[in-house]
Amino acid sequence: TLLPLTVSVAHDIIRRIIQSDEKQATED
């Protein structure tokens, strides 16, 4: 039960780190 929840939270954390307000990082 905890495995997919942990993977989802980790994915969201990584996406928030690489994404800026101008969304320039996601285009790189």
mmCIF file of all heavy atoms, coordinates in Angstrom:
data_MODEL
# 
_entry.id   MODEL 
# 
loop_
_atom_site.group_PDB 
_atom_site.id 
_atom_site.type_symbol 
_atom_site.label_atom_id 
_atom_site.label_alt_id 
_atom_site.label_comp_id 
_atom_site.label_asym_id 
_atom_site.label_entity_id 
_atom_site.label_seq_id 
_atom_site.pdbx_PDB_ins_code 
_atom_site.Cartn_x 
_atom_site.Cartn_y 
_atom_site.Cartn_z 
_atom_site.occupancy 
_atom_site.B_iso_or_equiv 
_atom_site.pdbx_formal_charge 
_atom_site.auth_seq_id 
_atom_site.auth_comp_id 
_atom_site.auth_asym_id 
_atom_site.auth_atom_id 
_atom_site.pdbx_PDB_model_num 
ATOM 1   N N   . THR A 1 1  ? 0.825  -1.217 0.000   1.00 0.00 ? 1  THR A N   1 
ATOM 2   C CA  . THR A 1 1  ? 0.000  0.000  0.000   1.00 0.00 ? 1  THR A CA  1 
ATOM 3   C C   . THR A 1 1  ? 0.853  1.259  0.000   1.00 0.00 ? 1  THR A C   1 
ATOM 4   O O   . THR A 1 1  ? 0.532  2.245  -0.688  1.00 0.00 ? 1  THR A O   1 
ATOM 5   C CB  . THR A 1 1  ? -0.933 -0.009 1.216   1.00 0.00 ? 1  THR A CB  1 
ATOM 6   O OG1 . THR A 1 1  ? -1.722 -1.202 1.207   1.00 0.00 ? 1  THR A OG1 1 
ATOM 7   C CG2 . THR A 1 1  ? -1.849 1.196  1.208   1.00 0.00 ? 1  THR A CG2 1 
ATOM 8   N N   . LEU A 1 2  ? 1.950  1.262  0.758   1.00 0.00 ? 2  LEU A N   1 
ATOM 9   C CA  . LEU A 1 2  ? 2.778  2.460  0.875   1.00 0.00 ? 2  LEU A CA  1 
ATOM 10  C C   . LEU A 1 2  ? 3.675  2.682  -0.332  1.00 0.00 ? 2  LEU A C   1 
ATOM 11  O O   . LEU A 1 2  ? 4.080  3.817  -0.593  1.00 0.00 ? 2  LEU A O   1 
ATOM 12  C CB  . LEU A 1 2  ? 3.648  2.371  2.137   1.00 0.00 ? 2  LEU A CB  1 
ATOM 13  C CG  . LEU A 1 2  ? 2.923  2.498  3.471   1.00 0.00 ? 2  LEU A CG  1 
ATOM 14  C CD1 . LEU A 1 2  ? 3.922  2.365  4.618   1.00 0.00 ? 2  LEU A CD1 1 
ATOM 15  C CD2 . LEU A 1 2  ? 2.195  3.831  3.572   1.00 0.00 ? 2  LEU A CD2 1 
ATOM 16  N N   . LEU A 1 3  ? 4.002  1.617  -1.090  1.00 0.00 ? 3  LEU A N   1 
ATOM 17  C CA  . LEU A 1 3  ? 4.948  1.766  -2.199  1.00 0.00 ? 3  LEU A CA  1 
ATOM 18  C C   . LEU A 1 3  ? 4.458  2.754  -3.265  1.00 0.00 ? 3  LEU A C   1 
ATOM 19  O O   . LEU A 1 3  ? 5.176  3.703  -3.606  1.00 0.00 ? 3  LEU A O   1 
ATOM 20  C CB  . LEU A 1 3  ? 5.239  0.394  -2.809  1.00 0.00 ? 3  LEU A CB  1 
ATOM 21  C CG  . LEU A 1 3  ? 6.212  0.390  -3.995  1.00 0.00 ? 3  LEU A CG  1 
ATOM 22  C CD1 . LEU A 1 3  ? 7.561  0.950  -3.591  1.00 0.00 ? 3  LEU A CD1 1 
ATOM 23  C CD2 . LEU A 1 3  ? 6.359  -1.020 -4.556  1.00 0.00 ? 3  LEU A CD2 1 
ATOM 24  N N   . PRO A 1 4  ? 3.254  2.601  -3.840  1.00 0.00 ? 4  PRO A N   1 
ATOM 25  C CA  . PRO A 1 4  ? 2.835  3.586  -4.847  1.00 0.00 ? 4  PRO A CA  1 
ATOM 26  C C   . PRO A 1 4  ? 2.658  4.987  -4.286  1.00 0.00 ? 4  PRO A C   1 
ATOM 27  O O   . PRO A 1 4  ? 2.915  5.976  -4.981  1.00 0.00 ? 4  PRO A O   1 
ATOM 28  C CB  . PRO A 1 4  ? 1.509  3.008  -5.379  1.00 0.00 ? 4  PRO A CB  1 
ATOM 29  C CG  . PRO A 1 4  ? 1.040  2.082  -4.325  1.00 0.00 ? 4  PRO A CG  1 
ATOM 30  C CD  . PRO A 1 4  ? 2.254  1.529  -3.673  1.00 0.00 ? 4  PRO A CD  1 
ATOM 31  N N   . LEU A 1 5  ? 2.220  5.098  -3.019  1.00 0.00 ? 5  LEU A N   1 
ATOM 32  C CA  . LEU A 1 5  ? 2.091  6.423  -2.419  1.00 0.00 ? 5  LEU A CA  1 
ATOM 33  C C   . LEU A 1 5  ? 3.444  7.099  -2.288  1.00 0.00 ? 5  LEU A C   1 
ATOM 34  O O   . LEU A 1 5  ? 3.599  8.298  -2.569  1.00 0.00 ? 5  LEU A O   1 
ATOM 35  C CB  . LEU A 1 5  ? 1.412  6.306  -1.053  1.00 0.00 ? 5  LEU A CB  1 
ATOM 36  C CG  . LEU A 1 5  ? -0.017 5.746  -1.046  1.00 0.00 ? 5  LEU A CG  1 
ATOM 37  C CD1 . LEU A 1 5  ? -0.534 5.635  0.370   1.00 0.00 ? 5  LEU A CD1 1 
ATOM 38  C CD2 . LEU A 1 5  ? -0.932 6.633  -1.872  1.00 0.00 ? 5  LEU A CD2 1 
ATOM 39  N N   . THR A 1 6  ? 4.453  6.347  -1.876  1.00 0.00 ? 6  THR A N   1 
ATOM 40  C CA  . THR A 1 6  ? 5.800  6.915  -1.746  1.00 0.00 ? 6  THR A CA  1 
ATOM 41  C C   . THR A 1 6  ? 6.365  7.330  -3.095  1.00 0.00 ? 6  THR A C   1 
ATOM 42  O O   . THR A 1 6  ? 6.973  8.399  -3.230  1.00 0.00 ? 6  THR A O   1 
ATOM 43  C CB  . THR A 1 6  ? 6.729  5.881  -1.074  1.00 0.00 ? 6  THR A CB  1 
ATOM 44  O OG1 . THR A 1 6  ? 6.151  5.437  0.152   1.00 0.00 ? 6  THR A OG1 1 
ATOM 45  C CG2 . THR A 1 6  ? 8.086  6.489  -0.789  1.00 0.00 ? 6  THR A CG2 1 
ATOM 46  N N   . VAL A 1 7  ? 6.153  6.493  -4.111  1.00 0.00 ? 7  VAL A N   1 
ATOM 47  C CA  . VAL A 1 7  ? 6.636  6.838  -5.450  1.00 0.00 ? 7  VAL A CA  1 
ATOM 48  C C   . VAL A 1 7  ? 5.943  8.098  -5.967  1.00 0.00 ? 7  VAL A C   1 
ATOM 49  O O   . VAL A 1 7  ? 6.577  8.980  -6.570  1.00 0.00 ? 7  VAL A O   1 
ATOM 50  C CB  . VAL A 1 7  ? 6.421  5.652  -6.410  1.00 0.00 ? 7  VAL A CB  1 
ATOM 51  C CG1 . VAL A 1 7  ? 6.727  6.053  -7.844  1.00 0.00 ? 7  VAL A CG1 1 
ATOM 52  C CG2 . VAL A 1 7  ? 7.290  4.471  -6.000  1.00 0.00 ? 7  VAL A CG2 1 
ATOM 53  N N   . SER A 1 8  ? 4.647  8.229  -5.719  1.00 0.00 ? 8  SER A N   1 
ATOM 54  C CA  . SER A 1 8  ? 3.916  9.413  -6.170  1.00 0.00 ? 8  SER A CA  1 
ATOM 55  C C   . SER A 1 8  ? 4.409  10.677 -5.479  1.00 0.00 ? 8  SER A C   1 
ATOM 56  O O   . SER A 1 8  ? 4.601  11.722 -6.121  1.00 0.00 ? 8  SER A O   1 
ATOM 57  C CB  . SER A 1 8  ? 2.421  9.212  -5.912  1.00 0.00 ? 8  SER A CB  1 
ATOM 58  O OG  . SER A 1 8  ? 1.692  10.354 -6.274  1.00 0.00 ? 8  SER A OG  1 
ATOM 59  N N   . VAL A 1 9  ? 4.637  10.609 -4.176  1.00 0.00 ? 9  VAL A N   1 
ATOM 60  C CA  . VAL A 1 9  ? 5.139  11.779 -3.447  1.00 0.00 ? 9  VAL A CA  1 
ATOM 61  C C   . VAL A 1 9  ? 6.541  12.156 -3.928  1.00 0.00 ? 9  VAL A C   1 
ATOM 62  O O   . VAL A 1 9  ? 6.844  13.341 -4.123  1.00 0.00 ? 9  VAL A O   1 
ATOM 63  C CB  . VAL A 1 9  ? 5.129  11.492 -1.929  1.00 0.00 ? 9  VAL A CB  1 
ATOM 64  C CG1 . VAL A 1 9  ? 5.851  12.587 -1.167  1.00 0.00 ? 9  VAL A CG1 1 
ATOM 65  C CG2 . VAL A 1 9  ? 3.702  11.364 -1.428  1.00 0.00 ? 9  VAL A CG2 1 
ATOM 66  N N   . ALA A 1 10 ? 7.399  11.166 -4.135  1.00 0.00 ? 10 ALA A N   1 
ATOM 67  C CA  . ALA A 1 10 ? 8.753  11.449 -4.633  1.00 0.00 ? 10 ALA A CA  1 
ATOM 68  C C   . ALA A 1 10 ? 8.711  12.090 -6.016  1.00 0.00 ? 10 ALA A C   1 
ATOM 69  O O   . ALA A 1 10 ? 9.472  13.023 -6.314  1.00 0.00 ? 10 ALA A O   1 
ATOM 70  C CB  . ALA A 1 10 ? 9.576  10.162 -4.660  1.00 0.00 ? 10 ALA A CB  1 
ATOM 71  N N   . HIS A 1 11 ? 7.815  11.609 -6.874  1.00 0.00 ? 11 HIS A N   1 
ATOM 72  C CA  . HIS A 1 11 ? 7.684  12.190 -8.219  1.00 0.00 ? 11 HIS A CA  1 
ATOM 73  C C   . HIS A 1 11 ? 7.242  13.650 -8.135  1.00 0.00 ? 11 HIS A C   1 
ATOM 74  O O   . HIS A 1 11 ? 7.753  14.520 -8.860  1.00 0.00 ? 11 HIS A O   1 
ATOM 75  C CB  . HIS A 1 11 ? 6.677  11.375 -9.025  1.00 0.00 ? 11 HIS A CB  1 
ATOM 76  C CG  . HIS A 1 11 ? 6.498  11.867 -10.425 1.00 0.00 ? 11 HIS A CG  1 
ATOM 77  N ND1 . HIS A 1 11 ? 5.557  12.812 -10.761 1.00 0.00 ? 11 HIS A ND1 1 
ATOM 78  C CD2 . HIS A 1 11 ? 7.146  11.570 -11.579 1.00 0.00 ? 11 HIS A CD2 1 
ATOM 79  C CE1 . HIS A 1 11 ? 5.626  13.079 -12.050 1.00 0.00 ? 11 HIS A CE1 1 
ATOM 80  N NE2 . HIS A 1 11 ? 6.576  12.334 -12.568 1.00 0.00 ? 11 HIS A NE2 1 
ATOM 81  N N   . ASP A 1 12 ? 6.310  13.947 -7.245  1.00 0.00 ? 12 ASP A N   1 
ATOM 82  C CA  . ASP A 1 12 ? 5.836  15.329 -7.091  1.00 0.00 ? 12 ASP A CA  1 
ATOM 83  C C   . ASP A 1 12 ? 6.938  16.227 -6.553  1.00 0.00 ? 12 ASP A C   1 
ATOM 84  O O   . ASP A 1 12 ? 7.086  17.386 -6.983  1.00 0.00 ? 12 ASP A O   1 
ATOM 85  C CB  . ASP A 1 12 ? 4.622  15.355 -6.172  1.00 0.00 ? 12 ASP A CB  1 
ATOM 86  C CG  . ASP A 1 12 ? 3.843  16.649 -6.288  1.00 0.00 ? 12 ASP A CG  1 
ATOM 87  O OD1 . ASP A 1 12 ? 4.088  17.399 -7.253  1.00 0.00 ? 12 ASP A OD1 1 
ATOM 88  O OD2 . ASP A 1 12 ? 2.989  16.924 -5.430  1.00 0.00 ? 12 ASP A OD2 1 
ATOM 89  N N   . ILE A 1 13 ? 7.736  15.714 -5.616  1.00 0.00 ? 13 ILE A N   1 
ATOM 90  C CA  . ILE A 1 13 ? 8.832  16.516 -5.060  1.00 0.00 ? 13 ILE A CA  1 
ATOM 91  C C   . ILE A 1 13 ? 9.864  16.837 -6.141  1.00 0.00 ? 13 ILE A C   1 
ATOM 92  O O   . ILE A 1 13 ? 10.324 17.988 -6.270  1.00 0.00 ? 13 ILE A O   1 
ATOM 93  C CB  . ILE A 1 13 ? 9.471  15.772 -3.874  1.00 0.00 ? 13 ILE A CB  1 
ATOM 94  C CG1 . ILE A 1 13 ? 8.503  15.724 -2.695  1.00 0.00 ? 13 ILE A CG1 1 
ATOM 95  C CG2 . ILE A 1 13 ? 10.780 16.439 -3.462  1.00 0.00 ? 13 ILE A CG2 1 
ATOM 96  C CD1 . ILE A 1 13 ? 9.000  14.894 -1.535  1.00 0.00 ? 13 ILE A CD1 1 
ATOM 97  N N   . ILE A 1 14 ? 10.236 15.854 -6.931  1.00 0.00 ? 14 ILE A N   1 
ATOM 98  C CA  . ILE A 1 14 ? 11.221 16.090 -7.991  1.00 0.00 ? 14 ILE A CA  1 
ATOM 99  C C   . ILE A 1 14 ? 10.674 17.074 -9.019  1.00 0.00 ? 14 ILE A C   1 
ATOM 100 O O   . ILE A 1 14 ? 11.391 17.975 -9.496  1.00 0.00 ? 14 ILE A O   1 
ATOM 101 C CB  . ILE A 1 14 ? 11.610 14.760 -8.645  1.00 0.00 ? 14 ILE A CB  1 
ATOM 102 C CG1 . ILE A 1 14 ? 12.359 13.875 -7.637  1.00 0.00 ? 14 ILE A CG1 1 
ATOM 103 C CG2 . ILE A 1 14 ? 12.485 14.982 -9.878  1.00 0.00 ? 14 ILE A CG2 1 
ATOM 104 C CD1 . ILE A 1 14 ? 12.658 12.493 -8.139  1.00 0.00 ? 14 ILE A CD1 1 
ATOM 105 N N   . ARG A 1 15 ? 9.403  16.944 -9.368  1.00 0.00 ? 15 ARG A N   1 
ATOM 106 C CA  . ARG A 1 15 ? 8.820  17.860 -10.345 1.00 0.00 ? 15 ARG A CA  1 
ATOM 107 C C   . ARG A 1 15 ? 8.785  19.287 -9.819  1.00 0.00 ? 15 ARG A C   1 
ATOM 108 O O   . ARG A 1 15 ? 9.034  20.243 -10.557 1.00 0.00 ? 15 ARG A O   1 
ATOM 109 C CB  . ARG A 1 15 ? 7.403  17.402 -10.696 1.00 0.00 ? 15 ARG A CB  1 
ATOM 110 C CG  . ARG A 1 15 ? 6.770  18.168 -11.831 1.00 0.00 ? 15 ARG A CG  1 
ATOM 111 C CD  . ARG A 1 15 ? 5.372  17.642 -12.106 1.00 0.00 ? 15 ARG A CD  1 
ATOM 112 N NE  . ARG A 1 15 ? 4.509  17.820 -10.958 1.00 0.00 ? 15 ARG A NE  1 
ATOM 113 C CZ  . ARG A 1 15 ? 3.858  18.958 -10.693 1.00 0.00 ? 15 ARG A CZ  1 
ATOM 114 N NH1 . ARG A 1 15 ? 3.992  19.983 -11.497 1.00 0.00 ? 15 ARG A NH1 1 
ATOM 115 N NH2 . ARG A 1 15 ? 3.084  19.045 -9.636  1.00 0.00 ? 15 ARG A NH2 1 
ATOM 116 N N   . ARG A 1 16 ? 8.510  19.460 -8.520  1.00 0.00 ? 16 ARG A N   1 
ATOM 117 C CA  . ARG A 1 16 ? 8.487  20.808 -7.943  1.00 0.00 ? 16 ARG A CA  1 
ATOM 118 C C   . ARG A 1 16 ? 9.874  21.416 -7.893  1.00 0.00 ? 16 ARG A C   1 
ATOM 119 O O   . ARG A 1 16 ? 10.028 22.633 -8.026  1.00 0.00 ? 16 ARG A O   1 
ATOM 120 C CB  . ARG A 1 16 ? 7.900  20.745 -6.537  1.00 0.00 ? 16 ARG A CB  1 
ATOM 121 C CG  . ARG A 1 16 ? 6.421  20.456 -6.480  1.00 0.00 ? 16 ARG A CG  1 
ATOM 122 C CD  . ARG A 1 16 ? 5.587  21.682 -6.754  1.00 0.00 ? 16 ARG A CD  1 
ATOM 123 N NE  . ARG A 1 16 ? 5.767  22.689 -5.718  1.00 0.00 ? 16 ARG A NE  1 
ATOM 124 C CZ  . ARG A 1 16 ? 5.161  23.864 -5.717  1.00 0.00 ? 16 ARG A CZ  1 
ATOM 125 N NH1 . ARG A 1 16 ? 4.362  24.183 -6.720  1.00 0.00 ? 16 ARG A NH1 1 
ATOM 126 N NH2 . ARG A 1 16 ? 5.355  24.733 -4.744  1.00 0.00 ? 16 ARG A NH2 1 
ATOM 127 N N   . ILE A 1 17 ? 10.905 20.585 -7.721  1.00 0.00 ? 17 ILE A N   1 
ATOM 128 C CA  . ILE A 1 17 ? 12.262 21.124 -7.656  1.00 0.00 ? 17 ILE A CA  1 
ATOM 129 C C   . ILE A 1 17 ? 12.723 21.585 -9.027  1.00 0.00 ? 17 ILE A C   1 
ATOM 130 O O   . ILE A 1 17 ? 13.358 22.644 -9.169  1.00 0.00 ? 17 ILE A O   1 
ATOM 131 C CB  . ILE A 1 17 ? 13.220 20.068 -7.069  1.00 0.00 ? 17 ILE A CB  1 
ATOM 132 C CG1 . ILE A 1 17 ? 12.923 19.857 -5.580  1.00 0.00 ? 17 ILE A CG1 1 
ATOM 133 C CG2 . ILE A 1 17 ? 14.677 20.495 -7.255  1.00 0.00 ? 17 ILE A CG2 1 
ATOM 134 C CD1 . ILE A 1 17 ? 13.755 18.785 -4.942  1.00 0.00 ? 17 ILE A CD1 1 
ATOM 135 N N   . ILE A 1 18 ? 12.418 20.838 -10.080 1.00 0.00 ? 18 ILE A N   1 
ATOM 136 C CA  . ILE A 1 18 ? 12.920 21.203 -11.406 1.00 0.00 ? 18 ILE A CA  1 
ATOM 137 C C   . ILE A 1 18 ? 12.039 22.234 -12.090 1.00 0.00 ? 18 ILE A C   1 
ATOM 138 O O   . ILE A 1 18 ? 12.412 22.757 -13.134 1.00 0.00 ? 18 ILE A O   1 
ATOM 139 C CB  . ILE A 1 18 ? 13.011 19.970 -12.318 1.00 0.00 ? 18 ILE A CB  1 
ATOM 140 C CG1 . ILE A 1 18 ? 11.621 19.440 -12.668 1.00 0.00 ? 18 ILE A CG1 1 
ATOM 141 C CG2 . ILE A 1 18 ? 13.867 18.901 -11.695 1.00 0.00 ? 18 ILE A CG2 1 
ATOM 142 C CD1 . ILE A 1 18 ? 11.625 18.370 -13.713 1.00 0.00 ? 18 ILE A CD1 1 
ATOM 143 N N   . GLN A 1 19 ? 10.888 22.566 -11.532 1.00 0.00 ? 19 GLN A N   1 
ATOM 144 C CA  . GLN A 1 19 ? 9.973  23.494 -12.184 1.00 0.00 ? 19 GLN A CA  1 
ATOM 145 C C   . GLN A 1 19 ? 10.023 24.841 -11.489 1.00 0.00 ? 19 GLN A C   1 
ATOM 146 O O   . GLN A 1 19 ? 9.867  24.944 -10.279 1.00 0.00 ? 19 GLN A O   1 
ATOM 147 C CB  . GLN A 1 19 ? 8.535  22.956 -12.143 1.00 0.00 ? 19 GLN A CB  1 
ATOM 148 C CG  . GLN A 1 19 ? 7.521  23.878 -12.801 1.00 0.00 ? 19 GLN A CG  1 
ATOM 149 C CD  . GLN A 1 19 ? 6.124  23.321 -12.755 1.00 0.00 ? 19 GLN A CD  1 
ATOM 150 O OE1 . GLN A 1 19 ? 5.926  22.201 -12.291 1.00 0.00 ? 19 GLN A OE1 1 
ATOM 151 N NE2 . GLN A 1 19 ? 5.157  24.075 -13.209 1.00 0.00 ? 19 GLN A NE2 1 
ATOM 152 N N   . SER A 1 20 ? 10.239 25.919 -12.272 1.00 0.00 ? 20 SER A N   1 
ATOM 153 C CA  . SER A 1 20 ? 10.237 27.280 -11.754 1.00 0.00 ? 20 SER A CA  1 
ATOM 154 C C   . SER A 1 20 ? 8.896  27.931 -12.064 1.00 0.00 ? 20 SER A C   1 
ATOM 155 O O   . SER A 1 20 ? 8.043  27.387 -12.745 1.00 0.00 ? 20 SER A O   1 
ATOM 156 C CB  . SER A 1 20 ? 11.367 28.097 -12.385 1.00 0.00 ? 20 SER A CB  1 
ATOM 157 O OG  . SER A 1 20 ? 11.195 28.186 -13.780 1.00 0.00 ? 20 SER A OG  1 
ATOM 158 N N   . ASP A 1 21 ? 8.735  29.168 -11.578 1.00 0.00 ? 21 ASP A N   1 
ATOM 159 C CA  . ASP A 1 21 ? 7.485  29.868 -11.833 1.00 0.00 ? 21 ASP A CA  1 
ATOM 160 C C   . ASP A 1 21 ? 7.295  30.175 -13.310 1.00 0.00 ? 21 ASP A C   1 
ATOM 161 O O   . ASP A 1 21 ? 6.194  30.182 -13.824 1.00 0.00 ? 21 ASP A O   1 
ATOM 162 C CB  . ASP A 1 21 ? 7.455  31.174 -11.028 1.00 0.00 ? 21 ASP A CB  1 
ATOM 163 C CG  . ASP A 1 21 ? 7.418  30.894 -9.532  1.00 0.00 ? 21 ASP A CG  1 
ATOM 164 O OD1 . ASP A 1 21 ? 6.979  29.789 -9.165  1.00 0.00 ? 21 ASP A OD1 1 
ATOM 165 O OD2 . ASP A 1 21 ? 7.835  31.767 -8.761  1.00 0.00 ? 21 ASP A OD2 1 
ATOM 166 N N   . GLU A 1 22 ? 8.401  30.470 -14.002 1.00 0.00 ? 22 GLU A N   1 
ATOM 167 C CA  . GLU A 1 22 ? 8.308  30.749 -15.438 1.00 0.00 ? 22 GLU A CA  1 
ATOM 168 C C   . GLU A 1 22 ? 8.299  29.496 -16.285 1.00 0.00 ? 22 GLU A C   1 
ATOM 169 O O   . GLU A 1 22 ? 8.195  29.579 -17.506 1.00 0.00 ? 22 GLU A O   1 
ATOM 170 C CB  . GLU A 1 22 ? 9.485  31.635 -15.872 1.00 0.00 ? 22 GLU A CB  1 
ATOM 171 C CG  . GLU A 1 22 ? 9.512  32.994 -15.257 1.00 0.00 ? 22 GLU A CG  1 
ATOM 172 C CD  . GLU A 1 22 ? 10.078 32.975 -13.837 1.00 0.00 ? 22 GLU A CD  1 
ATOM 173 O OE1 . GLU A 1 22 ? 10.675 31.946 -13.477 1.00 0.00 ? 22 GLU A OE1 1 
ATOM 174 O OE2 . GLU A 1 22 ? 9.910  33.952 -13.098 1.00 0.00 ? 22 GLU A OE2 1 
ATOM 175 N N   . LYS A 1 23 ? 8.442  28.342 -15.662 1.00 0.00 ? 23 LYS A N   1 
ATOM 176 C CA  . LYS A 1 23 ? 8.430  27.049 -16.351 1.00 0.00 ? 23 LYS A CA  1 
ATOM 177 C C   . LYS A 1 23 ? 9.541  26.957 -17.396 1.00 0.00 ? 23 LYS A C   1 
ATOM 178 O O   . LYS A 1 23 ? 9.392  26.358 -18.447 1.00 0.00 ? 23 LYS A O   1 
ATOM 179 C CB  . LYS A 1 23 ? 7.081  26.785 -17.000 1.00 0.00 ? 23 LYS A CB  1 
ATOM 180 C CG  . LYS A 1 23 ? 5.944  26.676 -15.994 1.00 0.00 ? 23 LYS A CG  1 
ATOM 181 C CD  . LYS A 1 23 ? 4.650  26.297 -16.675 1.00 0.00 ? 23 LYS A CD  1 
ATOM 182 C CE  . LYS A 1 23 ? 3.536  26.168 -15.638 1.00 0.00 ? 23 LYS A CE  1 
ATOM 183 N NZ  . LYS A 1 23 ? 2.254  25.790 -16.251 1.00 0.00 ? 23 LYS A NZ  1 
ATOM 184 N N   . GLN A 1 24 ? 10.694 27.552 -17.041 1.00 0.00 ? 24 GLN A N   1 
ATOM 185 C CA  . GLN A 1 24 ? 11.818 27.452 -17.958 1.00 0.00 ? 24 GLN A CA  1 
ATOM 186 C C   . GLN A 1 24 ? 12.553 26.131 -17.784 1.00 0.00 ? 24 GLN A C   1 
ATOM 187 O O   . GLN A 1 24 ? 13.064 25.578 -18.741 1.00 0.00 ? 24 GLN A O   1 
ATOM 188 C CB  . GLN A 1 24 ? 12.782 28.622 -17.730 1.00 0.00 ? 24 GLN A CB  1 
ATOM 189 C CG  . GLN A 1 24 ? 12.161 29.980 -18.045 1.00 0.00 ? 24 GLN A CG  1 
ATOM 190 C CD  . GLN A 1 24 ? 13.108 31.114 -17.725 1.00 0.00 ? 24 GLN A CD  1 
ATOM 191 O OE1 . GLN A 1 24 ? 14.167 30.912 -17.145 1.00 0.00 ? 24 GLN A OE1 1 
ATOM 192 N NE2 . GLN A 1 24 ? 12.724 32.322 -18.097 1.00 0.00 ? 24 GLN A NE2 1 
ATOM 193 N N   . ALA A 1 25 ? 12.577 25.641 -16.562 1.00 0.00 ? 25 ALA A N   1 
ATOM 194 C CA  . ALA A 1 25 ? 13.336 24.417 -16.321 1.00 0.00 ? 25 ALA A CA  1 
ATOM 195 C C   . ALA A 1 25 ? 12.681 23.217 -16.988 1.00 0.00 ? 25 ALA A C   1 
ATOM 196 O O   . ALA A 1 25 ? 13.361 22.332 -17.483 1.00 0.00 ? 25 ALA A O   1 
ATOM 197 C CB  . ALA A 1 25 ? 13.478 24.169 -14.814 1.00 0.00 ? 25 ALA A CB  1 
ATOM 198 N N   . THR A 1 26 ? 11.344 23.187 -17.016 1.00 0.00 ? 26 THR A N   1 
ATOM 199 C CA  . THR A 1 26 ? 10.683 22.036 -17.608 1.00 0.00 ? 26 THR A CA  1 
ATOM 200 C C   . THR A 1 26 ? 10.876 21.984 -19.119 1.00 0.00 ? 26 THR A C   1 
ATOM 201 O O   . THR A 1 26 ? 10.684 20.941 -19.726 1.00 0.00 ? 26 THR A O   1 
ATOM 202 C CB  . THR A 1 26 ? 9.186  22.081 -17.283 1.00 0.00 ? 26 THR A CB  1 
ATOM 203 O OG1 . THR A 1 26 ? 8.650  23.345 -17.708 1.00 0.00 ? 26 THR A OG1 1 
ATOM 204 C CG2 . THR A 1 26 ? 8.965  21.934 -15.800 1.00 0.00 ? 26 THR A CG2 1 
ATOM 205 N N   . GLU A 1 27 ? 11.229 23.110 -19.752 1.00 0.00 ? 27 GLU A N   1 
ATOM 206 C CA  . GLU A 1 27 ? 11.461 23.113 -21.181 1.00 0.00 ? 27 GLU A CA  1 
ATOM 207 C C   . GLU A 1 27 ? 12.877 22.701 -21.537 1.00 0.00 ? 27 GLU A C   1 
ATOM 208 O O   . GLU A 1 27 ? 13.187 22.558 -22.723 1.00 0.00 ? 27 GLU A O   1 
ATOM 209 C CB  . GLU A 1 27 ? 11.170 24.514 -21.746 1.00 0.00 ? 27 GLU A CB  1 
ATOM 210 C CG  . GLU A 1 27 ? 9.714  24.940 -21.548 1.00 0.00 ? 27 GLU A CG  1 
ATOM 211 C CD  . GLU A 1 27 ? 9.473  26.341 -22.044 1.00 0.00 ? 27 GLU A CD  1 
ATOM 212 O OE1 . GLU A 1 27 ? 10.456 26.951 -22.525 1.00 0.00 ? 27 GLU A OE1 1 
ATOM 213 O OE2 . GLU A 1 27 ? 8.336  26.829 -21.964 1.00 0.00 ? 27 GLU A OE2 1 
ATOM 214 N N   . ASP A 1 28 ? 13.743 22.540 -20.585 1.00 0.00 ? 28 ASP A N   1 
ATOM 215 C CA  . ASP A 1 28 ? 15.114 22.137 -20.844 1.00 0.00 ? 28 ASP A CA  1 
ATOM 216 C C   . ASP A 1 28 ? 15.166 20.615 -20.929 1.00 0.00 ? 28 ASP A C   1 
ATOM 217 O O   . ASP A 1 28 ? 14.921 19.925 -19.934 1.00 0.00 ? 28 ASP A O   1 
ATOM 218 C CB  . ASP A 1 28 ? 16.024 22.646 -19.716 1.00 0.00 ? 28 ASP A CB  1 
ATOM 219 C CG  . ASP A 1 28 ? 17.494 22.466 -20.054 1.00 0.00 ? 28 ASP A CG  1 
ATOM 220 O OD1 . ASP A 1 28 ? 17.794 21.744 -21.024 1.00 0.00 ? 28 ASP A OD1 1 
ATOM 221 O OD2 . ASP A 1 28 ? 18.337 23.050 -19.366 1.00 0.00 ? 28 ASP A OD2 1 
# 
